[in-house]
Amino acid sequence: EQLVESGGGLVQPGGSLRLSCRASRSIFAFDDMGWYRQAP
């Protein structure tokens, strides 16, 4: 399974975004999942 992330963008400080992570099959009901980030 490869997950597909979307929803990022450029936003001003104080703003909001909603990210999505889509899977091709049912995994979220059975697995402990996380959001990760990596800055340069």
PDB file of all heavy atoms in Angstrom:
ATOM      1  N   GLU A   1       0.824  -1.197   0.000  1.00  0.00           N
ATOM      2  CA  GLU A   1       0.000   0.000   0.000  1.00  0.00           C
ATOM      3  C   GLU A   1       0.861   1.251   0.000  1.00  0.00           C
ATOM      4  O   GLU A   1       1.800   1.378   0.793  1.00  0.00           O
ATOM      5  CB  GLU A   1      -0.902   0.000   1.238  1.00  0.00           C
ATOM      6  CG  GLU A   1      -1.812   1.207   1.362  1.00  0.00           C
ATOM      7  CD  GLU A   1      -2.971   1.170   0.386  1.00  0.00           C
ATOM      8  OE1 GLU A   1      -3.466   0.059   0.115  1.00  0.00           O
ATOM      9  OE2 GLU A   1      -3.371   2.231  -0.099  1.00  0.00           O
ATOM     10  N   GLN A   2       0.536   2.194  -0.895  1.00  0.00           N
ATOM     11  CA  GLN A   2       1.183   3.499  -0.874  1.00  0.00           C
ATOM     12  C   GLN A   2       0.119   4.550  -0.613  1.00  0.00           C
ATOM     13  O   GLN A   2      -0.915   4.576  -1.283  1.00  0.00           O
ATOM     14  CB  GLN A   2       1.902   3.812  -2.179  1.00  0.00           C
ATOM     15  CG  GLN A   2       2.608   5.167  -2.145  1.00  0.00           C
ATOM     16  CD  GLN A   2       3.578   5.358  -3.292  1.00  0.00           C
ATOM     17  OE1 GLN A   2       3.603   4.589  -4.241  1.00  0.00           O
ATOM     18  NE2 GLN A   2       4.404   6.384  -3.208  1.00  0.00           N
ATOM     19  N   LEU A   3       0.394   5.391   0.346  1.00  0.00           N
ATOM     20  CA  LEU A   3      -0.559   6.404   0.751  1.00  0.00           C
ATOM     21  C   LEU A   3      -0.330   7.680  -0.052  1.00  0.00           C
ATOM     22  O   LEU A   3       0.803   7.976  -0.446  1.00  0.00           O
ATOM     23  CB  LEU A   3      -0.403   6.665   2.245  1.00  0.00           C
ATOM     24  CG  LEU A   3      -0.567   5.399   3.099  1.00  0.00           C
ATOM     25  CD1 LEU A   3      -0.152   5.650   4.532  1.00  0.00           C
ATOM     26  CD2 LEU A   3      -1.990   4.897   3.033  1.00  0.00           C
ATOM     27  N   VAL A   4      -1.403   8.440  -0.272  1.00  0.00           N
ATOM     28  CA  VAL A   4      -1.337   9.666  -1.058  1.00  0.00           C
ATOM     29  C   VAL A   4      -1.786  10.835  -0.200  1.00  0.00           C
ATOM     30  O   VAL A   4      -2.941  10.874   0.254  1.00  0.00           O
ATOM     31  CB  VAL A   4      -2.223   9.556  -2.315  1.00  0.00           C
ATOM     32  CG1 VAL A   4      -2.160  10.860  -3.102  1.00  0.00           C
ATOM     33  CG2 VAL A   4      -1.787   8.383  -3.177  1.00  0.00           C
ATOM     34  N   GLU A   5      -0.858  11.770   0.006  1.00  0.00           N
ATOM     35  CA  GLU A   5      -1.150  12.956   0.797  1.00  0.00           C
ATOM     36  C   GLU A   5      -1.541  14.121  -0.108  1.00  0.00           C
ATOM     37  O   GLU A   5      -1.030  14.229  -1.237  1.00  0.00           O
ATOM     38  CB  GLU A   5       0.075  13.368   1.627  1.00  0.00           C
ATOM     39  CG  GLU A   5       0.600  12.301   2.558  1.00  0.00           C
ATOM     40  CD  GLU A   5       1.697  11.439   1.939  1.00  0.00           C
ATOM     41  OE1 GLU A   5       1.922  11.520   0.714  1.00  0.00           O
ATOM     42  OE2 GLU A   5       2.340  10.688   2.694  1.00  0.00           O
ATOM     43  N   SER A   6      -2.417  14.989   0.380  1.00  0.00           N
ATOM     44  CA  SER A   6      -2.819  16.179  -0.370  1.00  0.00           C
ATOM     45  C   SER A   6      -3.306  17.248   0.591  1.00  0.00           C
ATOM     46  O   SER A   6      -3.491  16.978   1.785  1.00  0.00           O
ATOM     47  CB  SER A   6      -3.920  15.834  -1.383  1.00  0.00           C
ATOM     48  OG  SER A   6      -5.083  15.389  -0.704  1.00  0.00           O
ATOM     49  N   GLY A   7      -3.482  18.457   0.058  1.00  0.00           N
ATOM     50  CA  GLY A   7      -4.066  19.532   0.845  1.00  0.00           C
ATOM     51  C   GLY A   7      -3.098  20.602   1.313  1.00  0.00           C
ATOM     52  O   GLY A   7      -3.509  21.574   1.939  1.00  0.00           O
ATOM     53  N   GLY A   8      -1.814  20.419   1.029  1.00  0.00           N
ATOM     54  CA  GLY A   8      -0.850  21.424   1.451  1.00  0.00           C
ATOM     55  C   GLY A   8      -0.943  22.691   0.628  1.00  0.00           C
ATOM     56  O   GLY A   8      -1.727  22.790  -0.319  1.00  0.00           O
ATOM     57  N   GLY A   9      -0.135  23.671   1.006  1.00  0.00           N
ATOM     58  CA  GLY A   9      -0.126  24.931   0.277  1.00  0.00           C
ATOM     59  C   GLY A   9       0.590  26.009   1.045  1.00  0.00           C
ATOM     60  O   GLY A   9       1.241  25.741   2.059  1.00  0.00           O
ATOM     61  N   LEU A  10       0.456  27.228   0.547  1.00  0.00           N
ATOM     62  CA  LEU A  10       1.051  28.397   1.177  1.00  0.00           C
ATOM     63  C   LEU A  10      -0.030  29.114   1.988  1.00  0.00           C
ATOM     64  O   LEU A  10      -1.115  29.406   1.456  1.00  0.00           O
ATOM     65  CB  LEU A  10       1.619  29.338   0.115  1.00  0.00           C
ATOM     66  CG  LEU A  10       2.122  30.698   0.589  1.00  0.00           C
ATOM     67  CD1 LEU A  10       3.295  30.536   1.547  1.00  0.00           C
ATOM     68  CD2 LEU A  10       2.512  31.569  -0.606  1.00  0.00           C
ATOM     69  N   VAL A  11       0.260  29.384   3.238  1.00  0.00           N
ATOM     70  CA  VAL A  11      -0.715  30.025   4.108  1.00  0.00           C
ATOM     71  C   VAL A  11       0.010  31.022   5.000  1.00  0.00           C
ATOM     72  O   VAL A  11       1.192  30.828   5.336  1.00  0.00           O
ATOM     73  CB  VAL A  11      -1.487  28.969   4.935  1.00  0.00           C
ATOM     74  CG1 VAL A  11      -0.558  28.209   5.857  1.00  0.00           C
ATOM     75  CG2 VAL A  11      -2.646  29.589   5.685  1.00  0.00           C
ATOM     76  N   GLN A  12      -0.681  32.078   5.363  1.00  0.00           N
ATOM     77  CA  GLN A  12      -0.093  33.080   6.251  1.00  0.00           C
ATOM     78  C   GLN A  12      -0.109  32.590   7.698  1.00  0.00           C
ATOM     79  O   GLN A  12      -0.949  31.744   8.066  1.00  0.00           O
ATOM     80  CB  GLN A  12      -0.877  34.387   6.147  1.00  0.00           C
ATOM     81  CG  GLN A  12      -0.728  35.087   4.813  1.00  0.00           C
ATOM     82  CD  GLN A  12      -1.392  36.449   4.810  1.00  0.00           C
ATOM     83  OE1 GLN A  12      -2.229  36.744   5.658  1.00  0.00           O
ATOM     84  NE2 GLN A  12      -1.010  37.285   3.848  1.00  0.00           N
ATOM     85  N   PRO A  13       0.789  33.088   8.515  1.00  0.00           N
ATOM     86  CA  PRO A  13       0.749  32.733   9.939  1.00  0.00           C
ATOM     87  C   PRO A  13      -0.629  33.003  10.531  1.00  0.00           C
ATOM     88  O   PRO A  13      -1.256  34.022  10.235  1.00  0.00           O
ATOM     89  CB  PRO A  13       1.813  33.646  10.550  1.00  0.00           C
ATOM     90  CG  PRO A  13       2.774  33.888   9.440  1.00  0.00           C
ATOM     91  CD  PRO A  13       1.930  33.962   8.196  1.00  0.00           C
ATOM     92  N   GLY A  14      -1.097  32.059  11.335  1.00  0.00           N
ATOM     93  CA  GLY A  14      -2.431  32.143  11.901  1.00  0.00           C
ATOM     94  C   GLY A  14      -3.497  31.482  11.068  1.00  0.00           C
ATOM     95  O   GLY A  14      -4.644  31.328  11.522  1.00  0.00           O
ATOM     96  N   GLY A  15      -3.147  31.088   9.855  1.00  0.00           N
ATOM     97  CA  GLY A  15      -4.106  30.470   8.961  1.00  0.00           C
ATOM     98  C   GLY A  15      -4.315  28.995   9.242  1.00  0.00           C
ATOM     99  O   GLY A  15      -3.745  28.429  10.174  1.00  0.00           O
ATOM    100  N   SER A  16      -5.134  28.376   8.383  1.00  0.00           N
ATOM    101  CA  SER A  16      -5.507  26.969   8.555  1.00  0.00           C
ATOM    102  C   SER A  16      -5.374  26.209   7.248  1.00  0.00           C
ATOM    103  O   SER A  16      -5.508  26.788   6.165  1.00  0.00           O
ATOM    104  CB  SER A  16      -6.960  26.854   9.038  1.00  0.00           C
ATOM    105  OG  SER A  16      -7.136  27.466  10.297  1.00  0.00           O
ATOM    106  N   LEU A  17      -5.115  24.924   7.371  1.00  0.00           N
ATOM    107  CA  LEU A  17      -5.126  23.989   6.244  1.00  0.00           C
ATOM    108  C   LEU A  17      -5.657  22.665   6.751  1.00  0.00           C
ATOM    109  O   LEU A  17      -5.510  22.333   7.936  1.00  0.00           O
ATOM    110  CB  LEU A  17      -3.712  23.779   5.691  1.00  0.00           C
ATOM    111  CG  LEU A  17      -3.080  24.874   4.823  1.00  0.00           C
ATOM    112  CD1 LEU A  17      -1.620  24.521   4.538  1.00  0.00           C
ATOM    113  CD2 LEU A  17      -3.850  25.079   3.538  1.00  0.00           C
ATOM    114  N   ARG A  18      -6.242  21.893   5.832  1.00  0.00           N
ATOM    115  CA  ARG A  18      -6.621  20.523   6.157  1.00  0.00           C
ATOM    116  C   ARG A  18      -5.944  19.581   5.180  1.00  0.00           C
ATOM    117  O   ARG A  18      -6.167  19.655   3.966  1.00  0.00           O
ATOM    118  CB  ARG A  18      -8.136  20.317   6.103  1.00  0.00           C
ATOM    119  CG  ARG A  18      -8.533  18.950   6.653  1.00  0.00           C
ATOM    120  CD  ARG A  18     -10.021  18.734   6.769  1.00  0.00           C
ATOM    121  NE  ARG A  18     -10.602  18.296   5.517  1.00  0.00           N
ATOM    122  CZ  ARG A  18     -11.713  17.544   5.437  1.00  0.00           C
ATOM    123  NH1 ARG A  18     -12.325  17.159   6.530  1.00  0.00           N
ATOM    124  NH2 ARG A  18     -12.193  17.218   4.259  1.00  0.00           N
ATOM    125  N   LEU A  19      -5.143  18.698   5.721  1.00  0.00           N
ATOM    126  CA  LEU A  19      -4.454  17.698   4.919  1.00  0.00           C
ATOM    127  C   LEU A  19      -5.274  16.409   4.866  1.00  0.00           C
ATOM    128  O   LEU A  19      -5.987  16.079   5.821  1.00  0.00           O
ATOM    129  CB  LEU A  19      -3.073  17.396   5.492  1.00  0.00           C
ATOM    130  CG  LEU A  19      -2.154  18.593   5.733  1.00  0.00           C
ATOM    131  CD1 LEU A  19      -0.794  18.095   6.238  1.00  0.00           C
ATOM    132  CD2 LEU A  19      -2.007  19.447   4.508  1.00  0.00           C
ATOM    133  N   SER A  20      -5.136  15.700   3.759  1.00  0.00           N
ATOM    134  CA  SER A  20      -5.803  14.410   3.595  1.00  0.00           C
ATOM    135  C   SER A  20      -4.777  13.341   3.255  1.00  0.00           C
ATOM    136  O   SER A  20      -3.775  13.617   2.577  1.00  0.00           O
ATOM    137  CB  SER A  20      -6.847  14.469   2.479  1.00  0.00           C
ATOM    138  OG  SER A  20      -7.874  15.380   2.784  1.00  0.00           O
ATOM    139  N   CYS A  21      -5.049  12.143   3.707  1.00  0.00           N
ATOM    140  CA  CYS A  21      -4.213  10.975   3.419  1.00  0.00           C
ATOM    141  C   CYS A  21      -5.155   9.878   2.945  1.00  0.00           C
ATOM    142  O   CYS A  21      -5.998   9.420   3.723  1.00  0.00           O
ATOM    143  CB  CYS A  21      -3.466  10.559   4.675  1.00  0.00           C
ATOM    144  SG  CYS A  21      -2.635   8.958   4.571  1.00  0.00           S
ATOM    145  N   ARG A  22      -5.013   9.481   1.685  1.00  0.00           N
ATOM    146  CA  ARG A  22      -5.928   8.505   1.122  1.00  0.00           C
ATOM    147  C   ARG A  22      -5.222   7.178   0.897  1.00  0.00           C
ATOM    148  O   ARG A  22      -4.075   7.138   0.424  1.00  0.00           O
ATOM    149  CB  ARG A  22      -6.502   9.003  -0.187  1.00  0.00           C
ATOM    150  CG  ARG A  22      -7.639   8.143  -0.709  1.00  0.00           C
ATOM    151  CD  ARG A  22      -8.199   8.639  -2.034  1.00  0.00           C
ATOM    152  NE  ARG A  22      -8.318  10.074  -2.070  1.00  0.00           N
ATOM    153  CZ  ARG A  22      -7.759  10.814  -3.013  1.00  0.00           C
ATOM    154  NH1 ARG A  22      -7.028  10.267  -3.955  1.00  0.00           N
ATOM    155  NH2 ARG A  22      -7.932  12.115  -3.022  1.00  0.00           N
ATOM    156  N   ALA A  23      -5.938   6.100   1.189  1.00  0.00           N
ATOM    157  CA  ALA A  23      -5.454   4.748   0.922  1.00  0.00           C
ATOM    158  C   ALA A  23      -6.364   4.091  -0.100  1.00  0.00           C
ATOM    159  O   ALA A  23      -7.517   4.475  -0.254  1.00  0.00           O
ATOM    160  CB  ALA A  23      -5.420   3.937   2.210  1.00  0.00           C
ATOM    161  N   SER A  24      -5.857   3.097  -0.781  1.00  0.00           N
ATOM    162  CA  SER A  24      -6.649   2.413  -1.811  1.00  0.00           C
ATOM    163  C   SER A  24      -7.494   1.301  -1.218  1.00  0.00           C
ATOM    164  O   SER A  24      -8.367   0.759  -1.906  1.00  0.00           O
ATOM    165  CB  SER A  24      -5.729   1.861  -2.904  1.00  0.00           C
ATOM    166  OG  SER A  24      -4.865   0.883  -2.361  1.00  0.00           O
ATOM    167  N   ARG A  25      -7.244   0.976   0.020  1.00  0.00           N
ATOM    168  CA  ARG A  25      -8.028  -0.076   0.667  1.00  0.00           C
ATOM    169  C   ARG A  25      -8.209   0.282   2.136  1.00  0.00           C
ATOM    170  O   ARG A  25      -7.648   1.258   2.618  1.00  0.00           O
ATOM    171  CB  ARG A  25      -7.321  -1.425   0.518  1.00  0.00           C
ATOM    172  CG  ARG A  25      -5.905  -1.472   1.072  1.00  0.00           C
ATOM    173  CD  ARG A  25      -5.209  -2.780   0.722  1.00  0.00           C
ATOM    174  NE  ARG A  25      -3.823  -2.787   1.132  1.00  0.00           N
ATOM    175  CZ  ARG A  25      -3.406  -3.201   2.314  1.00  0.00           C
ATOM    176  NH1 ARG A  25      -4.279  -3.644   3.197  1.00  0.00           N
ATOM    177  NH2 ARG A  25      -2.113  -3.188   2.614  1.00  0.00           N
ATOM    178  N   SER A  26      -8.985  -0.515   2.813  1.00  0.00           N
ATOM    179  CA  SER A  26      -9.339  -0.223   4.199  1.00  0.00           C
ATOM    180  C   SER A  26      -8.190  -0.577   5.124  1.00  0.00           C
ATOM    181  O   SER A  26      -7.907  -1.754   5.368  1.00  0.00           O
ATOM    182  CB  SER A  26     -10.586  -1.020   4.588  1.00  0.00           C
ATOM    183  OG  SER A  26     -10.928  -0.782   5.926  1.00  0.00           O
ATOM    184  N   ILE A  27      -7.504   0.445   5.612  1.00  0.00           N
ATOM    185  CA  ILE A  27      -6.405   0.218   6.549  1.00  0.00           C
ATOM    186  C   ILE A  27      -6.592   0.987   7.844  1.00  0.00           C
ATOM    187  O   ILE A  27      -6.123   0.566   8.894  1.00  0.00           O
ATOM    188  CB  ILE A  27      -5.039   0.611   5.934  1.00  0.00           C
ATOM    189  CG1 ILE A  27      -4.993   2.098   5.569  1.00  0.00           C
ATOM    190  CG2 ILE A  27      -4.723  -0.265   4.715  1.00  0.00           C
ATOM    191  CD1 ILE A  27      -3.608   2.580   5.158  1.00  0.00           C
ATOM    192  N   PHE A  28      -7.291   2.116   7.774  1.00  0.00           N
ATOM    193  CA  PHE A  28      -7.354   2.988   8.938  1.00  0.00           C
ATOM    194  C   PHE A  28      -8.159   2.381  10.085  1.00  0.00           C
ATOM    195  O   PHE A  28      -7.968   2.732  11.237  1.00  0.00           O
ATOM    196  CB  PHE A  28      -7.931   4.350   8.543  1.00  0.00           C
ATOM    197  CG  PHE A  28      -7.106   5.064   7.514  1.00  0.00           C
ATOM    198  CD1 PHE A  28      -7.593   5.304   6.239  1.00  0.00           C
ATOM    199  CD2 PHE A  28      -5.822   5.484   7.805  1.00  0.00           C
ATOM    200  CE1 PHE A  28      -6.827   5.956   5.284  1.00  0.00           C
ATOM    201  CE2 PHE A  28      -5.049   6.129   6.860  1.00  0.00           C
ATOM    202  CZ  PHE A  28      -5.551   6.368   5.595  1.00  0.00           C
ATOM    203  N   ALA A  29      -9.055   1.461   9.767  1.00  0.00           N
ATOM    204  CA  ALA A  29      -9.843   0.827  10.822  1.00  0.00           C
ATOM    205  C   ALA A  29      -9.032  -0.193  11.606  1.00  0.00           C
ATOM    206  O   ALA A  29      -9.429  -0.594  12.699  1.00  0.00           O
ATOM    207  CB  ALA A  29     -11.073   0.159  10.218  1.00  0.00           C
ATOM    208  N   PHE A  30      -7.868  -0.579  11.058  1.00  0.00           N
ATOM    209  CA  PHE A  30      -7.136  -1.702  11.637  1.00  0.00           C
ATOM    210  C   PHE A  30      -5.719  -1.351  12.068  1.00  0.00           C
ATOM    211  O   PHE A  30      -5.038  -2.181  12.668  1.00  0.00           O
ATOM    212  CB  PHE A  30      -7.071  -2.852  10.632  1.00  0.00           C
ATOM    213  CG  PHE A  30      -8.401  -3.215  10.071  1.00  0.00           C
ATOM    214  CD1 PHE A  30      -8.739  -2.887   8.763  1.00  0.00           C
ATOM    215  CD2 PHE A  30      -9.337  -3.865  10.850  1.00  0.00           C
ATOM    216  CE1 PHE A  30      -9.981  -3.205   8.246  1.00  0.00           C
ATOM    217  CE2 PHE A  30     -10.581  -4.200  10.344  1.00  0.00           C
ATOM    218  CZ  PHE A  30     -10.898  -3.866   9.042  1.00  0.00           C
ATOM    219  N   ASP A  31      -5.279  -0.152  11.752  1.00  0.00           N
ATOM    220  CA  ASP A  31      -3.881   0.184  11.986  1.00  0.00           C
ATOM    221  C   ASP A  31      -3.772   1.507  12.739  1.00  0.00           C
ATOM    222  O   ASP A  31      -4.617   2.393  12.579  1.00  0.00           O
ATOM    223  CB  ASP A  31      -3.132   0.303  10.654  1.00  0.00           C
ATOM    224  CG  ASP A  31      -1.758  -0.308  10.709  1.00  0.00           C
ATOM    225  OD1 ASP A  31      -1.188  -0.386  11.815  1.00  0.00           O
ATOM    226  OD2 ASP A  31      -1.236  -0.711   9.644  1.00  0.00           O
ATOM    227  N   ASP A  32      -2.738   1.625  13.538  1.00  0.00           N
ATOM    228  CA  ASP A  32      -2.424   2.875  14.204  1.00  0.00           C
ATOM    229  C   ASP A  32      -1.628   3.737  13.236  1.00  0.00           C
ATOM    230  O   ASP A  32      -0.577   3.306  12.742  1.00  0.00           O
ATOM    231  CB  ASP A  32      -1.612   2.624  15.471  1.00  0.00           C
ATOM    232  CG  ASP A  32      -2.369   1.824  16.505  1.00  0.00           C
ATOM    233  OD1 ASP A  32      -3.612   1.756  16.419  1.00  0.00           O
ATOM    234  OD2 ASP A  32      -1.708   1.256  17.397  1.00  0.00           O
ATOM    235  N   MET A  33      -2.127   4.938  12.978  1.00  0.00           N
ATOM    236  CA  MET A  33      -1.584   5.772  11.922  1.00  0.00           C
ATOM    237  C   MET A  33      -1.056   7.082  12.469  1.00  0.00           C
ATOM    238  O   MET A  33      -1.464   7.539  13.546  1.00  0.00           O
ATOM    239  CB  MET A  33      -2.672   6.074  10.887  1.00  0.00           C
ATOM    240  CG  MET A  33      -3.281   4.854  10.237  1.00  0.00           C
ATOM    241  SD  MET A  33      -2.124   3.956   9.188  1.00  0.00           S
ATOM    242  CE  MET A  33      -1.746   5.192   7.946  1.00  0.00           C
ATOM    243  N   GLY A  34      -0.185   7.701  11.675  1.00  0.00           N
ATOM    244  CA  GLY A  34       0.359   8.976  12.117  1.00  0.00           C
ATOM    245  C   GLY A  34       0.573   9.945  10.980  1.00  0.00           C
ATOM    246  O   GLY A  34       0.697   9.544   9.820  1.00  0.00           O
ATOM    247  N   TRP A  35       0.589  11.215  11.332  1.00  0.00           N
ATOM    248  CA  TRP A  35       1.058  12.269  10.435  1.00  0.00           C
ATOM    249  C   TRP A  35       2.469  12.642  10.871  1.00  0.00           C
ATOM    250  O   TRP A  35       2.724  12.854  12.062  1.00  0.00           O
ATOM    251  CB  TRP A  35       0.155  13.490  10.498  1.00  0.00           C
ATOM    252  CG  TRP A  35      -1.092  13.376   9.682  1.00  0.00           C
ATOM    253  CD1 TRP A  35      -2.335  13.055  10.114  1.00  0.00           C
ATOM    254  CD2 TRP A  35      -1.201  13.584   8.277  1.00  0.00           C
ATOM    255  NE1 TRP A  35      -3.216  13.055   9.076  1.00  0.00           N
ATOM    256  CE2 TRP A  35      -2.551  13.380   7.921  1.00  0.00           C
ATOM    257  CE3 TRP A  35      -0.300  13.950   7.270  1.00  0.00           C
ATOM    258  CZ2 TRP A  35      -3.018  13.510   6.614  1.00  0.00           C
ATOM    259  CZ3 TRP A  35      -0.759  14.081   5.976  1.00  0.00           C
ATOM    260  CH2 TRP A  35      -2.105  13.860   5.655  1.00  0.00           C
ATOM    261  N   TYR A  36       3.345  12.741   9.889  1.00  0.00           N
ATOM    262  CA  TYR A  36       4.735  13.075  10.128  1.00  0.00           C
ATOM    263  C   TYR A  36       5.075  14.334   9.320  1.00  0.00           C
ATOM    264  O   TYR A  36       4.402  14.637   8.345  1.00  0.00           O
ATOM    265  CB  TYR A  36       5.655  11.942   9.652  1.00  0.00           C
ATOM    266  CG  TYR A  36       5.380  10.612  10.299  1.00  0.00           C
ATOM    267  CD1 TYR A  36       4.316   9.812   9.878  1.00  0.00           C
ATOM    268  CD2 TYR A  36       6.189  10.133  11.328  1.00  0.00           C
ATOM    269  CE1 TYR A  36       4.059   8.589  10.470  1.00  0.00           C
ATOM    270  CE2 TYR A  36       5.947   8.904  11.918  1.00  0.00           C
ATOM    271  CZ  TYR A  36       4.879   8.145  11.482  1.00  0.00           C
ATOM    272  OH  TYR A  36       4.637   6.925  12.072  1.00  0.00           O
ATOM    273  N   ARG A  37       6.142  15.002   9.714  1.00  0.00           N
ATOM    274  CA  ARG A  37       6.593  16.125   8.906  1.00  0.00           C
ATOM    275  C   ARG A  37       8.124  16.175   8.921  1.00  0.00           C
ATOM    276  O   ARG A  37       8.764  15.704   9.855  1.00  0.00           O
ATOM    277  CB  ARG A  37       6.021  17.451   9.404  1.00  0.00           C
ATOM    278  CG  ARG A  37       6.524  17.910  10.754  1.00  0.00           C
ATOM    279  CD  ARG A  37       5.792  19.171  11.189  1.00  0.00           C
ATOM    280  NE  ARG A  37       6.255  19.653  12.486  1.00  0.00           N
ATOM    281  CZ  ARG A  37       5.671  20.641  13.159  1.00  0.00           C
ATOM    282  NH1 ARG A  37       4.594  21.256  12.657  1.00  0.00           N
ATOM    283  NH2 ARG A  37       6.145  21.031  14.329  1.00  0.00           N
ATOM    284  N   GLN A  38       8.641  16.731   7.839  1.00  0.00           N
ATOM    285  CA  GLN A  38      10.088  16.875   7.726  1.00  0.00           C
ATOM    286  C   GLN A  38      10.404  18.239   7.131  1.00  0.00           C
ATOM    287  O   GLN A  38      10.013  18.528   5.997  1.00  0.00           O
ATOM    288  CB  GLN A  38      10.682  15.765   6.858  1.00  0.00           C
ATOM    289  CG  GLN A  38      12.201  15.765   6.832  1.00  0.00           C
ATOM    290  CD  GLN A  38      12.764  14.495   6.222  1.00  0.00           C
ATOM    291  OE1 GLN A  38      12.088  13.760   5.509  1.00  0.00           O
ATOM    292  NE2 GLN A  38      14.019  14.207   6.529  1.00  0.00           N
ATOM    293  N   ALA A  39      11.099  19.042   7.909  1.00  0.00           N
ATOM    294  CA  ALA A  39      11.553  20.344   7.448  1.00  0.00           C
ATOM    295  C   ALA A  39      12.974  20.204   6.908  1.00  0.00           C
ATOM    296  O   ALA A  39      13.689  19.273   7.291  1.00  0.00           O
ATOM    297  CB  ALA A  39      11.510  21.349   8.593  1.00  0.00           C
ATOM    298  N   PRO A  40      13.399  21.091   6.026  1.00  0.00           N
ATOM    299  CA  PRO A  40      14.750  21.002   5.464  1.00  0.00           C
ATOM    300  C   PRO A  40      15.810  20.955   6.558  1.00  0.00           C
ATOM    301  O   PRO A  40      15.801  21.760   7.489  1.00  0.00           O
ATOM    302  CB  PRO A  40      14.866  22.286   4.639  1.00  0.00           C
ATOM    303  CG  PRO A  40      13.468  22.622   4.258  1.00  0.00           C
ATOM    304  CD  PRO A  40      12.635  22.209   5.447  1.00  0.00           C
TER     305      PRO A  40
END
